[in-house]
PDB file of N, CA and C in Angstrom:
ATOM      1  N   MET A   1       8.665  16.712 -13.195  1.00  0.00           N
ATOM      2  CA  MET A   1       7.524  16.215 -12.914  1.00  0.00           C
ATOM      3  C   MET A   1       6.591  16.985 -11.647  1.00  0.00           C
ATOM      4  N   THR A   2       5.389  18.009 -12.569  1.00  0.00           N
ATOM      5  CA  THR A   2       4.408  17.443 -10.856  1.00  0.00           C
ATOM      6  C   THR A   2       3.120  17.379 -11.395  1.00  0.00           C
ATOM      7  N   TYR A   3       3.210  16.785 -12.559  1.00  0.00           N
ATOM      8  CA  TYR A   3       1.411  16.120 -12.857  1.00  0.00           C
ATOM      9  C   TYR A   3       1.749  14.963 -13.447  1.00  0.00           C
ATOM     10  N   TYR A   4       0.907  13.695 -12.674  1.00  0.00           N
ATOM     11  CA  TYR A   4       0.989  12.336 -13.604  1.00  0.00           C
ATOM     12  C   TYR A   4      -0.114  11.868 -13.897  1.00  0.00           C
ATOM     13  N   ALA A   5      -0.224  10.920 -14.244  1.00  0.00           N
ATOM     14  CA  ALA A   5      -1.747   9.892 -14.862  1.00  0.00           C
ATOM     15  C   ALA A   5      -0.793   8.458 -14.372  1.00  0.00           C
ATOM     16  N   ILE A   6      -1.344   7.847 -13.063  1.00  0.00           N
ATOM     17  CA  ILE A   6      -1.265   6.698 -12.164  1.00  0.00           C
ATOM     18  C   ILE A   6      -0.794   5.572 -13.199  1.00  0.00           C
ATOM     19  N   GLN A   7      -2.228   5.231 -14.065  1.00  0.00           N
ATOM     20  CA  GLN A   7      -1.408   4.772 -15.632  1.00  0.00           C
ATOM     21  C   GLN A   7      -0.496   4.682 -16.634  1.00  0.00           C
ATOM     22  N   GLU A   8      -0.109   5.657 -16.667  1.00  0.00           N
ATOM     23  CA  GLU A   8       1.355   6.076 -17.457  1.00  0.00           C
ATOM     24  C   GLU A   8       2.586   6.055 -16.495  1.00  0.00           C
ATOM     25  N   ILE A   9       2.872   5.364 -15.291  1.00  0.00           N
ATOM     26  CA  ILE A   9       3.932   5.736 -14.455  1.00  0.00           C
ATOM     27  C   ILE A   9       3.680   3.693 -14.853  1.00  0.00           C
ATOM     28  N   SER A  10       5.050   3.378 -14.515  1.00  0.00           N
ATOM     29  CA  SER A  10       5.494   2.348 -14.933  1.00  0.00           C
ATOM     30  C   SER A  10       5.270   1.199 -13.984  1.00  0.00           C
ATOM     31  N   ALA A  11       4.898   0.043 -13.913  1.00  0.00           N
ATOM     32  CA  ALA A  11       4.192  -0.602 -12.980  1.00  0.00           C
ATOM     33  C   ALA A  11       5.129  -1.750 -12.225  1.00  0.00           C
ATOM     34  N   LYS A  12       5.921  -1.889 -10.970  1.00  0.00           N
ATOM     35  CA  LYS A  12       6.765  -2.457 -10.296  1.00  0.00           C
ATOM     36  C   LYS A  12       5.556  -3.710  -9.682  1.00  0.00           C
ATOM     37  N   LYS A  13       6.622  -4.831  -9.662  1.00  0.00           N
ATOM     38  CA  LYS A  13       6.023  -6.076 -10.129  1.00  0.00           C
ATOM     39  C   LYS A  13       6.415  -6.574  -7.741  1.00  0.00           C
ATOM     40  N   PRO A  14       6.195  -6.480  -7.088  1.00  0.00           N
ATOM     41  CA  PRO A  14       7.101  -6.446  -5.599  1.00  0.00           C
ATOM     42  C   PRO A  14       6.751  -7.893  -5.376  1.00  0.00           C
ATOM     43  N   ALA A  15       6.026  -8.204  -5.444  1.00  0.00           N
ATOM     44  CA  ALA A  15       5.790  -9.742  -5.413  1.00  0.00           C
ATOM     45  C   ALA A  15       4.768 -10.353  -6.410  1.00  0.00           C
ATOM     46  N   ASP A  16       4.050 -11.486  -6.518  1.00  0.00           N
ATOM     47  CA  ASP A  16       3.213 -12.706  -7.486  1.00  0.00           C
ATOM     48  C   ASP A  16       1.956 -11.452  -6.426  1.00  0.00           C
ATOM     49  N   GLY A  17       1.307 -11.773  -7.114  1.00  0.00           N
ATOM     50  CA  GLY A  17      -0.314 -10.592  -7.086  1.00  0.00           C
ATOM     51  C   GLY A  17      -0.268  -9.225  -6.790  1.00  0.00           C
ATOM     52  N   ILE A  18       0.807  -8.602  -6.905  1.00  0.00           N
ATOM     53  CA  ILE A  18       1.024  -7.315  -6.600  1.00  0.00           C
ATOM     54  C   ILE A  18       1.710  -6.334  -7.359  1.00  0.00           C
ATOM     55  N   GLU A  19       1.197  -5.367  -7.708  1.00  0.00           N
ATOM     56  CA  GLU A  19       1.001  -3.952  -8.524  1.00  0.00           C
ATOM     57  C   GLU A  19       1.679  -3.111  -8.547  1.00  0.00           C
ATOM     58  N   MET A  20       3.311  -2.355  -8.284  1.00  0.00           N
ATOM     59  CA  MET A  20       2.813  -1.070  -7.799  1.00  0.00           C
ATOM     60  C   MET A  20       3.273   0.112  -8.682  1.00  0.00           C
ATOM     61  N   ARG A  21       2.228   1.148  -8.938  1.00  0.00           N
ATOM     62  CA  ARG A  21       3.106   2.446  -9.012  1.00  0.00           C
ATOM     63  C   ARG A  21       3.438   3.741  -8.080  1.00  0.00           C
ATOM     64  N   VAL A  22       4.660   4.482  -8.109  1.00  0.00           N
ATOM     65  CA  VAL A  22       5.288   4.474  -7.225  1.00  0.00           C
ATOM     66  C   VAL A  22       5.811   6.564  -7.273  1.00  0.00           C
ATOM     67  N   ILE A  23       5.338   7.337  -6.893  1.00  0.00           N
ATOM     68  CA  ILE A  23       5.991   8.749  -7.108  1.00  0.00           C
ATOM     69  C   ILE A  23       7.094   9.155  -5.794  1.00  0.00           C
ATOM     70  N   HIS A  24       7.910   9.561  -6.176  1.00  0.00           N
ATOM     71  CA  HIS A  24       8.844  10.244  -4.830  1.00  0.00           C
ATOM     72  C   HIS A  24       8.635  11.518  -5.101  1.00  0.00           C
ATOM     73  N   GLY A  25       8.453  12.101  -3.934  1.00  0.00           N
ATOM     74  CA  GLY A  25       8.959  13.744  -3.469  1.00  0.00           C
ATOM     75  C   GLY A  25       9.992  13.701  -2.532  1.00  0.00           C
ATOM     76  N   GLU A  26      10.281  14.788  -2.518  1.00  0.00           N
ATOM     77  CA  GLU A  26      11.116  14.997  -1.130  1.00  0.00           C
ATOM     78  C   GLU A  26      11.447  14.527  -0.102  1.00  0.00           C
ATOM     79  N   ARG A  27      10.246  14.560   0.555  1.00  0.00           N
ATOM     80  CA  ARG A  27       9.830  13.781   1.995  1.00  0.00           C
ATOM     81  C   ARG A  27       8.764  12.672   2.175  1.00  0.00           C
ATOM     82  N   MET A  28       8.622  12.632   0.906  1.00  0.00           N
ATOM     83  CA  MET A  28       7.231  11.289   1.482  1.00  0.00           C
ATOM     84  C   MET A  28       7.601  10.251  -0.677  1.00  0.00           C
ATOM     85  N   THR A  29       6.958   8.879  -0.422  1.00  0.00           N
ATOM     86  CA  THR A  29       6.931   8.168  -1.238  1.00  0.00           C
ATOM     87  C   THR A  29       4.506   8.065  -1.365  1.00  0.00           C
ATOM     88  N   PHE A  30       4.014   8.308  -2.701  1.00  0.00           N
ATOM     89  CA  PHE A  30       3.042   7.672  -2.404  1.00  0.00           C
ATOM     90  C   PHE A  30       2.792   6.305  -3.874  1.00  0.00           C
ATOM     91  N   ALA A  31       2.496   5.971  -2.846  1.00  0.00           N
ATOM     92  CA  ALA A  31       2.132   4.446  -4.060  1.00  0.00           C
ATOM     93  C   ALA A  31       1.071   3.968  -4.501  1.00  0.00           C
ATOM     94  N   TYR A  32       0.993   4.006  -5.384  1.00  0.00           N
ATOM     95  CA  TYR A  32      -0.751   3.216  -5.980  1.00  0.00           C
ATOM     96  C   TYR A  32      -0.269   1.679  -6.255  1.00  0.00           C
ATOM     97  N   PHE A  33      -1.307   0.989  -5.141  1.00  0.00           N
ATOM     98  CA  PHE A  33      -1.082  -1.031  -5.314  1.00  0.00           C
ATOM     99  C   PHE A  33      -2.472  -1.361  -5.804  1.00  0.00           C
ATOM    100  N   THR A  34      -2.532  -3.314  -6.708  1.00  0.00           N
ATOM    101  CA  THR A  34      -3.259  -3.454  -7.253  1.00  0.00           C
ATOM    102  C   THR A  34      -3.062  -4.514  -6.634  1.00  0.00           C
ATOM    103  N   PHE A  35      -3.733  -4.994  -6.113  1.00  0.00           N
ATOM    104  CA  PHE A  35      -3.859  -6.867  -5.566  1.00  0.00           C
ATOM    105  C   PHE A  35      -5.148  -7.453  -6.212  1.00  0.00           C
ATOM    106  N   THR A  36      -4.687  -9.090  -6.029  1.00  0.00           N
ATOM    107  CA  THR A  36      -5.380  -9.749  -6.853  1.00  0.00           C
ATOM    108  C   THR A  36      -5.839 -10.647  -5.765  1.00  0.00           C
ATOM    109  N   PRO A  37      -6.978 -11.813  -6.081  1.00  0.00           N
ATOM    110  CA  PRO A  37      -7.904 -11.935  -4.125  1.00  0.00           C
ATOM    111  C   PRO A  37      -6.826 -12.997  -4.120  1.00  0.00           C
ATOM    112  N   GLY A  38      -7.334 -12.749  -2.818  1.00  0.00           N
ATOM    113  CA  GLY A  38      -5.472 -13.794  -2.184  1.00  0.00           C
ATOM    114  C   GLY A  38      -5.064 -13.162  -2.182  1.00  0.00           C
ATOM    115  N   THR A  39      -4.487 -12.430  -2.197  1.00  0.00           N
ATOM    116  CA  THR A  39      -2.902 -12.146  -2.488  1.00  0.00           C
ATOM    117  C   THR A  39      -2.443 -11.333  -1.196  1.00  0.00           C
ATOM    118  N   PRO A  40      -1.947 -12.448  -0.909  1.00  0.00           N
ATOM    119  CA  PRO A  40      -1.225 -11.574   1.215  1.00  0.00           C
ATOM    120  C   PRO A  40      -0.036 -10.918   0.590  1.00  0.00           C
ATOM    121  N   LEU A  41       0.041 -10.199   1.964  1.00  0.00           N
ATOM    122  CA  LEU A  41       1.461  -9.264   2.202  1.00  0.00           C
ATOM    123  C   LEU A  41       1.989  -9.492   3.447  1.00  0.00           C
ATOM    124  N   PRO A  42       3.057 -10.600   3.914  1.00  0.00           N
ATOM    125  CA  PRO A  42       3.917 -10.589   4.371  1.00  0.00           C
ATOM    126  C   PRO A  42       4.010  -9.811   5.980  1.00  0.00           C
ATOM    127  N   GLU A  43       3.625 -10.266   7.130  1.00  0.00           N
ATOM    128  CA  GLU A  43       3.702  -9.533   8.214  1.00  0.00           C
ATOM    129  C   GLU A  43       5.238  -9.034   8.242  1.00  0.00           C
ATOM    130  N   HIS A  44       4.841  -7.183   8.483  1.00  0.00           N
ATOM    131  CA  HIS A  44       6.865  -6.610   8.035  1.00  0.00           C
ATOM    132  C   HIS A  44       6.433  -5.194   9.363  1.00  0.00           C
ATOM    133  N   ARG A  45       7.735  -4.945   9.283  1.00  0.00           N
ATOM    134  CA  ARG A  45       7.793  -3.617   9.786  1.00  0.00           C
ATOM    135  C   ARG A  45       8.875  -2.552   8.643  1.00  0.00           C
ATOM    136  N   HIS A  46       8.669  -1.270   8.680  1.00  0.00           N
ATOM    137  CA  HIS A  46       9.604  -0.653   8.342  1.00  0.00           C
ATOM    138  C   HIS A  46       9.544   0.634   9.356  1.00  0.00           C
ATOM    139  N   PRO A  47      10.481   1.533   9.101  1.00  0.00           N
ATOM    140  CA  PRO A  47      10.455   2.857   9.807  1.00  0.00           C
ATOM    141  C   PRO A  47       9.884   3.814   9.103  1.00  0.00           C
ATOM    142  N   HIS A  48       8.964   4.028   8.158  1.00  0.00           N
ATOM    143  CA  HIS A  48       8.667   4.705   7.640  1.00  0.00           C
ATOM    144  C   HIS A  48       7.120   4.913   7.993  1.00  0.00           C
ATOM    145  N   GLU A  49       6.409   5.520   8.471  1.00  0.00           N
ATOM    146  CA  GLU A  49       5.207   6.273   8.995  1.00  0.00           C
ATOM    147  C   GLU A  49       4.100   5.752   8.009  1.00  0.00           C
ATOM    148  N   GLN A  50       3.107   5.615   7.922  1.00  0.00           N
ATOM    149  CA  GLN A  50       2.485   4.883   6.549  1.00  0.00           C
ATOM    150  C   GLN A  50       0.739   5.169   6.811  1.00  0.00           C
ATOM    151  N   ILE A  51      -0.193   6.047   5.585  1.00  0.00           N
ATOM    152  CA  ILE A  51      -1.382   6.118   5.874  1.00  0.00           C
ATOM    153  C   ILE A  51      -1.877   5.777   4.665  1.00  0.00           C
ATOM    154  N   GLY A  52      -3.000   5.486   4.409  1.00  0.00           N
ATOM    155  CA  GLY A  52      -3.182   4.525   3.309  1.00  0.00           C
ATOM    156  C   GLY A  52      -4.741   4.356   3.209  1.00  0.00           C
ATOM    157  N   THR A  53      -5.273   4.226   2.020  1.00  0.00           N
ATOM    158  CA  THR A  53      -6.938   4.403   1.305  1.00  0.00           C
ATOM    159  C   THR A  53      -7.061   3.081   0.914  1.00  0.00           C
ATOM    160  N   VAL A  54      -8.610   2.363   0.501  1.00  0.00           N
ATOM    161  CA  VAL A  54      -8.504   1.159   0.300  1.00  0.00           C
ATOM    162  C   VAL A  54      -9.723   1.752  -1.166  1.00  0.00           C
ATOM    163  N   VAL A  55      -9.080   2.135  -2.303  1.00  0.00           N
ATOM    164  CA  VAL A  55      -9.876   2.717  -3.615  1.00  0.00           C
ATOM    165  C   VAL A  55     -11.141   1.743  -4.640  1.00  0.00           C
ATOM    166  N   LYS A  56     -10.643   0.665  -3.608  1.00  0.00           N
ATOM    167  CA  LYS A  56     -11.559  -0.419  -4.450  1.00  0.00           C
ATOM    168  C   LYS A  56     -11.847  -1.924  -4.442  1.00  0.00           C
ATOM    169  N   GLY A  57     -12.199  -2.018  -3.899  1.00  0.00           N
ATOM    170  CA  GLY A  57     -12.568  -3.725  -3.322  1.00  0.00           C
ATOM    171  C   GLY A  57     -12.467  -4.164  -2.095  1.00  0.00           C
ATOM    172  N   GLU A  58     -11.745  -4.723  -1.437  1.00  0.00           N
ATOM    173  CA  GLU A  58     -11.455  -5.172   0.156  1.00  0.00           C
ATOM    174  C   GLU A  58     -10.666  -5.794   0.255  1.00  0.00           C
ATOM    175  N   MET A  59      -9.372  -5.212   1.563  1.00  0.00           N
ATOM    176  CA  MET A  59      -8.005  -5.733   2.240  1.00  0.00           C
ATOM    177  C   MET A  59      -8.837  -5.952   3.549  1.00  0.00           C
ATOM    178  N   GLU A  60      -7.496  -7.625   4.215  1.00  0.00           N
ATOM    179  CA  GLU A  60      -7.692  -7.269   5.028  1.00  0.00           C
ATOM    180  C   GLU A  60      -6.747  -6.770   6.191  1.00  0.00           C
ATOM    181  N   LEU A  61      -6.436  -6.210   7.022  1.00  0.00           N
ATOM    182  CA  LEU A  61      -5.299  -5.811   7.763  1.00  0.00           C
ATOM    183  C   LEU A  61      -5.391  -5.958   8.255  1.00  0.00           C
ATOM    184  N   THR A  62      -3.630  -6.125   9.346  1.00  0.00           N
ATOM    185  CA  THR A  62      -3.203  -6.943  10.484  1.00  0.00           C
ATOM    186  C   THR A  62      -2.506  -5.647  11.015  1.00  0.00           C
ATOM    187  N   ILE A  63      -2.816  -4.816  12.126  1.00  0.00           N
ATOM    188  CA  ILE A  63      -1.796  -3.490  12.280  1.00  0.00           C
ATOM    189  C   ILE A  63      -1.400  -3.437  13.651  1.00  0.00           C
ATOM    190  N   ALA A  64      -0.538  -4.126  14.303  1.00  0.00           N
ATOM    191  CA  ALA A  64       0.059  -4.347  15.547  1.00  0.00           C
ATOM    192  C   ALA A  64      -1.199  -5.183  16.426  1.00  0.00           C
ATOM    193  N   GLY A  65      -1.455  -7.094  15.918  1.00  0.00           N
ATOM    194  CA  GLY A  65      -2.142  -7.678  16.201  1.00  0.00           C
ATOM    195  C   GLY A  65      -3.313  -7.259  16.670  1.00  0.00           C
ATOM    196  N   GLU A  66      -4.200  -6.069  15.382  1.00  0.00           N
ATOM    197  CA  GLU A  66      -5.384  -5.842  14.875  1.00  0.00           C
ATOM    198  C   GLU A  66      -5.842  -6.108  14.113  1.00  0.00           C
ATOM    199  N   THR A  67      -6.986  -7.305  13.256  1.00  0.00           N
ATOM    200  CA  THR A  67      -6.983  -7.774  12.465  1.00  0.00           C
ATOM    201  C   THR A  67      -8.955  -6.943  12.007  1.00  0.00           C
ATOM    202  N   ARG A  68      -8.964  -6.534  10.556  1.00  0.00           N
ATOM    203  CA  ARG A  68      -9.962  -5.360  10.534  1.00  0.00           C
ATOM    204  C   ARG A  68      -9.834  -6.055   8.819  1.00  0.00           C
ATOM    205  N   ALA A  69     -11.217  -5.584   8.210  1.00  0.00           N
ATOM    206  CA  ALA A  69     -11.900  -5.976   6.772  1.00  0.00           C
ATOM    207  C   ALA A  69     -11.661  -4.171   6.432  1.00  0.00           C
ATOM    208  N   VAL A  70     -11.020  -3.846   5.929  1.00  0.00           N
ATOM    209  CA  VAL A  70     -11.213  -2.250   5.070  1.00  0.00           C
ATOM    210  C   VAL A  70     -11.326  -2.351   3.716  1.00  0.00           C
ATOM    211  N   SER A  71     -12.704  -2.160   3.275  1.00  0.00           N
ATOM    212  CA  SER A  71     -13.409  -1.169   1.811  1.00  0.00           C
ATOM    213  C   SER A  71     -13.009  -0.117   1.669  1.00  0.00           C
ATOM    214  N   ALA A  72     -13.629  -0.287   0.394  1.00  0.00           N
ATOM    215  CA  ALA A  72     -13.381   1.130  -0.489  1.00  0.00           C
ATOM    216  C   ALA A  72     -13.780   1.902   0.079  1.00  0.00           C
ATOM    217  N   GLY A  73     -13.255   2.777   0.048  1.00  0.00           N
ATOM    218  CA  GLY A  73     -13.388   4.128   1.261  1.00  0.00           C
ATOM    219  C   GLY A  73     -12.870   4.440   2.729  1.00  0.00           C
ATOM    220  N   GLY A  74     -12.053   3.158   3.305  1.00  0.00           N
ATOM    221  CA  GLY A  74     -11.894   2.658   4.854  1.00  0.00           C
ATOM    222  C   GLY A  74     -10.226   3.297   4.517  1.00  0.00           C
ATOM    223  N   ALA A  75      -9.942   4.268   5.737  1.00  0.00           N
ATOM    224  CA  ALA A  75      -8.601   4.318   5.918  1.00  0.00           C
ATOM    225  C   ALA A  75      -8.358   3.396   6.935  1.00  0.00           C
ATOM    226  N   TYR A  76      -6.575   4.426   6.762  1.00  0.00           N
ATOM    227  CA  TYR A  76      -6.124   3.293   8.093  1.00  0.00           C
ATOM    228  C   TYR A  76      -4.044   4.179   8.102  1.00  0.00           C
ATOM    229  N   HIS A  77      -3.651   4.218   9.219  1.00  0.00           N
ATOM    230  CA  HIS A  77      -2.468   4.836  10.344  1.00  0.00           C
ATOM    231  C   HIS A  77      -1.555   3.558  10.326  1.00  0.00           C
ATOM    232  N   ILE A  78      -0.677   3.659   9.935  1.00  0.00           N
ATOM    233  CA  ILE A  78       0.824   2.432  10.614  1.00  0.00           C
ATOM    234  C   ILE A  78       1.742   3.594  10.885  1.00  0.00           C
ATOM    235  N   PRO A  79       1.858   3.376  12.361  1.00  0.00           N
ATOM    236  CA  PRO A  79       3.084   4.114  12.547  1.00  0.00           C
ATOM    237  C   PRO A  79       4.402   3.579  12.470  1.00  0.00           C
ATOM    238  N   SER A  80       5.290   4.206  12.015  1.00  0.00           N
ATOM    239  CA  SER A  80       6.652   3.889  12.218  1.00  0.00           C
ATOM    240  C   SER A  80       6.795   2.663  12.955  1.00  0.00           C
ATOM    241  N   ASN A  81       7.723   1.840  12.543  1.00  0.00           N
ATOM    242  CA  ASN A  81       8.022   0.768  13.063  1.00  0.00           C
ATOM    243  C   ASN A  81       6.845  -0.380  14.188  1.00  0.00           C
ATOM    244  N   THR A  82       5.779  -0.450  13.181  1.00  0.00           N
ATOM    245  CA  THR A  82       4.974  -0.993  13.509  1.00  0.00           C
ATOM    246  C   THR A  82       4.558  -2.486  13.015  1.00  0.00           C
ATOM    247  N   VAL A  83       3.887  -3.708  13.264  1.00  0.00           N
ATOM    248  CA  VAL A  83       4.210  -4.694  13.055  1.00  0.00           C
ATOM    249  C   VAL A  83       3.262  -4.992  12.215  1.00  0.00           C
ATOM    250  N   HIS A  84       2.876  -5.118  10.619  1.00  0.00           N
ATOM    251  CA  HIS A  84       1.679  -5.269   9.778  1.00  0.00           C
ATOM    252  C   HIS A  84       1.539  -5.932   9.170  1.00  0.00           C
ATOM    253  N   SER A  85       0.576  -6.589   8.185  1.00  0.00           N
ATOM    254  CA  SER A  85       0.362  -7.761   6.881  1.00  0.00           C
ATOM    255  C   SER A  85      -1.006  -7.739   6.326  1.00  0.00           C
ATOM    256  N   ALA A  86      -1.205  -7.902   5.432  1.00  0.00           N
ATOM    257  CA  ALA A  86      -2.610  -7.773   4.506  1.00  0.00           C
ATOM    258  C   ALA A  86      -2.999  -8.876   3.395  1.00  0.00           C
ATOM    259  N   ARG A  87      -4.382  -8.735   3.469  1.00  0.00           N
ATOM    260  CA  ARG A  87      -4.283 -10.185   2.438  1.00  0.00           C
ATOM    261  C   ARG A  87      -6.038  -9.400   1.965  1.00  0.00           C
ATOM    262  N   CYS A  88      -5.926  -9.484   0.293  1.00  0.00           N
ATOM    263  CA  CYS A  88      -6.505  -9.364  -0.528  1.00  0.00           C
ATOM    264  C   CYS A  88      -7.749 -10.051  -0.469  1.00  0.00           C
ATOM    265  N   LEU A  89      -9.413  -9.286   0.023  1.00  0.00           N
ATOM    266  CA  LEU A  89     -10.041 -10.285   0.557  1.00  0.00           C
ATOM    267  C   LEU A  89     -10.711 -10.252  -1.251  1.00  0.00           C
ATOM    268  N   LYS A  90     -11.526  -9.074  -1.592  1.00  0.00           N
ATOM    269  CA  LYS A  90     -12.131  -8.853  -2.682  1.00  0.00           C
ATOM    270  C   LYS A  90     -11.218  -7.522  -3.825  1.00  0.00           C
ATOM    271  N   GLY A  91     -10.894  -8.591  -4.810  1.00  0.00           N
ATOM    272  CA  GLY A  91     -10.483  -7.831  -5.485  1.00  0.00           C
ATOM    273  C   GLY A  91     -10.769  -8.026  -7.529  1.00  0.00           C
ATOM    274  N   PRO A  92      -9.793  -7.245  -8.233  1.00  0.00           N
ATOM    275  CA  PRO A  92      -8.731  -6.896  -8.070  1.00  0.00           C
ATOM    276  C   PRO A  92      -9.450  -4.962  -7.143  1.00  0.00           C
ATOM    277  N   ALA A  93      -7.632  -5.168  -5.914  1.00  0.00           N
ATOM    278  CA  ALA A  93      -8.173  -4.086  -4.877  1.00  0.00           C
ATOM    279  C   ALA A  93      -7.177  -3.282  -5.389  1.00  0.00           C
ATOM    280  N   GLU A  94      -7.018  -1.771  -5.240  1.00  0.00           N
ATOM    281  CA  GLU A  94      -6.459  -1.071  -5.620  1.00  0.00           C
ATOM    282  C   GLU A  94      -6.848  -0.388  -4.076  1.00  0.00           C
ATOM    283  N   VAL A  95      -5.507   0.429  -3.787  1.00  0.00           N
ATOM    284  CA  VAL A  95      -5.079   0.785  -2.582  1.00  0.00           C
ATOM    285  C   VAL A  95      -4.054   2.327  -2.700  1.00  0.00           C
ATOM    286  N   ILE A  96      -4.451   2.964  -2.491  1.00  0.00           N
ATOM    287  CA  ILE A  96      -2.953   4.274  -2.487  1.00  0.00           C
ATOM    288  C   ILE A  96      -2.198   4.147  -0.917  1.00  0.00           C
ATOM    289  N   GLU A  97      -1.541   4.556  -0.945  1.00  0.00           N
ATOM    290  CA  GLU A  97      -0.365   4.772   0.463  1.00  0.00           C
ATOM    291  C   GLU A  97       0.729   5.851   0.558  1.00  0.00           C
ATOM    292  N   VAL A  98       0.837   6.630   1.126  1.00  0.00           N
ATOM    293  CA  VAL A  98       1.981   7.044   1.609  1.00  0.00           C
ATOM    294  C   VAL A  98       3.030   7.184   2.879  1.00  0.00           C
ATOM    295  N   PHE A  99       3.748   7.304   2.378  1.00  0.00           N
ATOM    296  CA  PHE A  99       4.631   6.963   3.835  1.00  0.00           C
ATOM    297  C   PHE A  99       5.751   7.808   3.898  1.00  0.00           C
ATOM    298  N   ALA A 100       6.209   8.198   4.967  1.00  0.00           N
ATOM    299  CA  ALA A 100       7.918   9.277   5.040  1.00  0.00           C
ATOM    300  C   ALA A 100       8.496   8.840   6.458  1.00  0.00           C
ATOM    301  N   PRO A 101       9.263   9.106   6.161  1.00  0.00           N
ATOM    302  CA  PRO A 101       9.869   9.670   5.368  1.00  0.00           C
ATOM    303  C   PRO A 101      10.511   8.720   3.548  1.00  0.00           C
ATOM    304  N   THR A 102      10.967   9.227   2.889  1.00  0.00           N
ATOM    305  CA  THR A 102      10.669   8.318   1.424  1.00  0.00           C
ATOM    306  C   THR A 102      11.234   6.665   0.880  1.00  0.00           C
ATOM    307  N   ARG A 103      10.743   6.572   0.687  1.00  0.00           N
ATOM    308  CA  ARG A 103      10.984   4.788   0.395  1.00  0.00           C
ATOM    309  C   ARG A 103      11.849   4.421  -0.665  1.00  0.00           C
ATOM    310  N   ASP A 104      13.369   4.727  -0.116  1.00  0.00           N
ATOM    311  CA  ASP A 104      14.328   4.219  -1.228  1.00  0.00           C
ATOM    312  C   ASP A 104      13.674   3.055  -1.586  1.00  0.00           C
ATOM    313  N   ASP A 105      13.579   2.255  -0.796  1.00  0.00           N
ATOM    314  CA  ASP A 105      13.300   0.625  -1.343  1.00  0.00           C
ATOM    315  C   ASP A 105      12.279   0.282  -2.466  1.00  0.00           C
ATOM    316  N   PHE A 106      11.683   1.499  -2.647  1.00  0.00           N
ATOM    317  CA  PHE A 106      10.360   1.248  -3.721  1.00  0.00           C
ATOM    318  C   PHE A 106      11.496   2.192  -4.867  1.00  0.00           C
ATOM    319  N   LYS A 107      12.663   2.685  -5.099  1.00  0.00           N
ATOM    320  CA  LYS A 107      13.125   3.738  -6.034  1.00  0.00           C
ATOM    321  C   LYS A 107      13.465   2.427  -7.177  1.00  0.00           C
TER     322      LYS A 107
END
């Protein structure tokens, strides 16, 4: 399939307060996340390079020990194997992230 309507993609709930809809390509994964206010995403790392943007709401991101609030229109880059975490400050927040290579754990 080449075209998608985000709201028609089956939602997965990887944790309380987080919903995601995912599209997998051959070499990358696109993920559309919705976070409820106050929802944390604990510190973690993975081998995937990650680029994201906040579409709605506000997220607090900590990337390699640096913490910043990112509101709608803000974007960020997380290199491969970099420790990072997040928390929804204002929401519901909607976030788009792209990962390379593909996130097989999101399938």
